[in-house]
Amino acid sequence: MTKYVTRVVLKRADGDDYEQLHDLMDTQGFSRTVTSTDGKVRQLPDAEYYFSGNFTIDQLLDRAKVAAGGTGLEYAILVTQATALRWVNLKSA
C-alpha cells in the first residue's frame, strides 16, 4: 500500500470549518493520526492527514478536493507520497 501525507488549508476559515473538513476528510478515508511500529497512535499536526491505500497521487488529490470543496471555502492542498514516516513530539491520540 502507498502512504500519503496531505495538508489542506482553508482560506478565511474558523474552527467549525476545520471540524467540518475533518469529517469530510474522514469520509474520504483520510486519518488525522499515524501509528508507529510499536502500535502507539499519534495526532498529526493541524490540517494534516494520513492515507494508506492503493491509490495514485492524483486519485488521492481528487479525494482531498472533494472533501475540501464540501466546505464551500477556498482551499489549498498539498499531497506528498511517503516512503517512510518519522516524527517526534506528536501528541498521543
C-alpha atoms as a PDB file:
ATOM      1  CA  MET A   1       0.000   0.000   0.000  1.00  0.00           C
ATOM      2  CA  THR A   2       1.107   3.527  -0.735  1.00  0.00           C
ATOM      3  CA  LYS A   3       1.344   6.064   2.093  1.00  0.00           C
ATOM      4  CA  TYR A   4       0.478   9.733   1.755  1.00  0.00           C
ATOM      5  CA  VAL A   5       0.504  12.812   3.936  1.00  0.00           C
ATOM      6  CA  THR A   6      -1.865  15.545   2.815  1.00  0.00           C
ATOM      7  CA  ARG A   7      -2.148  19.115   4.028  1.00  0.00           C
ATOM      8  CA  VAL A   8      -5.314  21.110   3.465  1.00  0.00           C
ATOM      9  CA  VAL A   9      -5.536  24.820   4.218  1.00  0.00           C
ATOM     10  CA  LEU A  10      -8.923  26.507   4.184  1.00  0.00           C
ATOM     11  CA  LYS A  11      -8.966  30.208   3.439  1.00  0.00           C
ATOM     12  CA  ARG A  12     -10.907  32.508   5.788  1.00  0.00           C
ATOM     13  CA  ALA A  13     -11.848  29.511   7.943  1.00  0.00           C
ATOM     14  CA  ASP A  14     -12.668  29.163  11.599  1.00  0.00           C
ATOM     15  CA  GLY A  15     -12.590  26.180  13.919  1.00  0.00           C
ATOM     16  CA  ASP A  16     -16.043  24.993  12.868  1.00  0.00           C
ATOM     17  CA  ASP A  17     -14.945  24.979   9.227  1.00  0.00           C
ATOM     18  CA  TYR A  18     -11.977  22.768  10.106  1.00  0.00           C
ATOM     19  CA  GLU A  19     -14.204  20.431  12.109  1.00  0.00           C
ATOM     20  CA  GLN A  20     -16.346  20.059   9.010  1.00  0.00           C
ATOM     21  CA  LEU A  21     -13.205  19.435   6.940  1.00  0.00           C
ATOM     22  CA  HIS A  22     -12.043  16.741   9.367  1.00  0.00           C
ATOM     23  CA  ASP A  23     -15.374  14.946   8.974  1.00  0.00           C
ATOM     24  CA  LEU A  24     -15.279  15.257   5.184  1.00  0.00           C
ATOM     25  CA  MET A  25     -11.673  14.027   5.005  1.00  0.00           C
ATOM     26  CA  ASP A  26     -12.601  11.094   7.230  1.00  0.00           C
ATOM     27  CA  THR A  27     -15.404  10.226   4.803  1.00  0.00           C
ATOM     28  CA  GLN A  28     -12.801  10.135   2.020  1.00  0.00           C
ATOM     29  CA  GLY A  29     -10.618   7.717   4.020  1.00  0.00           C
ATOM     30  CA  PHE A  30      -8.088  10.153   5.495  1.00  0.00           C
ATOM     31  CA  SER A  31      -6.951   9.946   9.111  1.00  0.00           C
ATOM     32  CA  ARG A  32      -5.696  12.640  11.474  1.00  0.00           C
ATOM     33  CA  THR A  33      -3.432  10.108  13.200  1.00  0.00           C
ATOM     34  CA  VAL A  34      -0.437   7.900  12.449  1.00  0.00           C
ATOM     35  CA  THR A  35       0.555   4.675  14.169  1.00  0.00           C
ATOM     36  CA  SER A  36       4.159   3.773  14.965  1.00  0.00           C
ATOM     37  CA  THR A  37       5.643   0.310  14.519  1.00  0.00           C
ATOM     38  CA  ASP A  38       5.165  -0.265  18.267  1.00  0.00           C
ATOM     39  CA  GLY A  39       1.434   0.468  17.951  1.00  0.00           C
ATOM     40  CA  LYS A  40       1.393   3.950  19.507  1.00  0.00           C
ATOM     41  CA  VAL A  41      -1.123   6.275  17.857  1.00  0.00           C
ATOM     42  CA  ARG A  42      -0.128   9.921  17.447  1.00  0.00           C
ATOM     43  CA  GLN A  43      -2.059  13.009  16.398  1.00  0.00           C
ATOM     44  CA  LEU A  44      -0.825  14.730  13.243  1.00  0.00           C
ATOM     45  CA  PRO A  45      -0.273  18.497  13.214  1.00  0.00           C
ATOM     46  CA  ASP A  46      -3.314  20.653  12.447  1.00  0.00           C
ATOM     47  CA  ALA A  47      -4.714  20.336   8.912  1.00  0.00           C
ATOM     48  CA  GLU A  48      -2.560  17.300   8.058  1.00  0.00           C
ATOM     49  CA  TYR A  49      -3.956  13.913   7.162  1.00  0.00           C
ATOM     50  CA  TYR A  50      -2.601  10.418   6.593  1.00  0.00           C
ATOM     51  CA  PHE A  51      -3.792   7.949   3.991  1.00  0.00           C
ATOM     52  CA  SER A  52      -2.607   4.458   3.142  1.00  0.00           C
ATOM     53  CA  GLY A  53      -4.111   2.619   0.207  1.00  0.00           C
ATOM     54  CA  ASN A  54      -3.887   1.540  -3.390  1.00  0.00           C
ATOM     55  CA  PHE A  55      -4.478   4.923  -4.995  1.00  0.00           C
ATOM     56  CA  THR A  56      -2.350   7.122  -7.217  1.00  0.00           C
ATOM     57  CA  ILE A  57      -1.335  10.544  -6.001  1.00  0.00           C
ATOM     58  CA  ASP A  58      -3.759  12.096  -8.500  1.00  0.00           C
ATOM     59  CA  GLN A  59      -6.636   9.962  -7.244  1.00  0.00           C
ATOM     60  CA  LEU A  60      -5.812  10.953  -3.691  1.00  0.00           C
ATOM     61  CA  LEU A  61      -5.663  14.635  -4.629  1.00  0.00           C
ATOM     62  CA  ASP A  62      -9.116  14.258  -6.176  1.00  0.00           C
ATOM     63  CA  ARG A  63     -10.440  12.742  -2.932  1.00  0.00           C
ATOM     64  CA  ALA A  64      -8.978  15.631  -0.911  1.00  0.00           C
ATOM     65  CA  LYS A  65     -10.504  18.147  -3.350  1.00  0.00           C
ATOM     66  CA  VAL A  66     -13.939  16.577  -2.868  1.00  0.00           C
ATOM     67  CA  ALA A  67     -13.580  16.891   0.902  1.00  0.00           C
ATOM     68  CA  ALA A  68     -12.200  20.445   0.884  1.00  0.00           C
ATOM     69  CA  GLY A  69     -14.747  21.531  -1.710  1.00  0.00           C
ATOM     70  CA  GLY A  70     -17.503  20.285   0.579  1.00  0.00           C
ATOM     71  CA  THR A  71     -16.719  23.102   2.998  1.00  0.00           C
ATOM     72  CA  GLY A  72     -17.704  25.728   0.440  1.00  0.00           C
ATOM     73  CA  LEU A  73     -14.481  27.637   1.138  1.00  0.00           C
ATOM     74  CA  GLU A  74     -11.427  28.323  -0.979  1.00  0.00           C
ATOM     75  CA  TYR A  75      -8.641  25.865  -0.214  1.00  0.00           C
ATOM     76  CA  ALA A  76      -5.089  24.825  -0.964  1.00  0.00           C
ATOM     77  CA  ILE A  77      -3.926  21.197  -0.888  1.00  0.00           C
ATOM     78  CA  LEU A  78      -0.511  19.547  -0.889  1.00  0.00           C
ATOM     79  CA  VAL A  79      -0.293  15.759  -1.263  1.00  0.00           C
ATOM     80  CA  THR A  80       3.021  14.032  -0.593  1.00  0.00           C
ATOM     81  CA  GLN A  81       3.727  10.371  -1.248  1.00  0.00           C
ATOM     82  CA  ALA A  82       5.744   8.987   1.645  1.00  0.00           C
ATOM     83  CA  THR A  83       8.160   6.068   1.569  1.00  0.00           C
ATOM     84  CA  ALA A  84       8.801   6.411   5.301  1.00  0.00           C
ATOM     85  CA  LEU A  85       7.373   8.485   8.114  1.00  0.00           C
ATOM     86  CA  ARG A  86       9.250   9.600  11.221  1.00  0.00           C
ATOM     87  CA  TRP A  87       8.136  12.017  13.884  1.00  0.00           C
ATOM     88  CA  VAL A  88       8.994  13.483  17.235  1.00  0.00           C
ATOM     89  CA  ASN A  89       6.836  15.062  19.932  1.00  0.00           C
ATOM     90  CA  LEU A  90       3.481  14.377  18.296  1.00  0.00           C
ATOM     91  CA  LYS A  91       0.712  14.221  20.884  1.00  0.00           C
ATOM     92  CA  SER A  92      -0.785  10.862  21.792  1.00  0.00           C
ATOM     93  CA  ALA A  93      -4.138  10.297  20.164  1.00  0.00           C
END
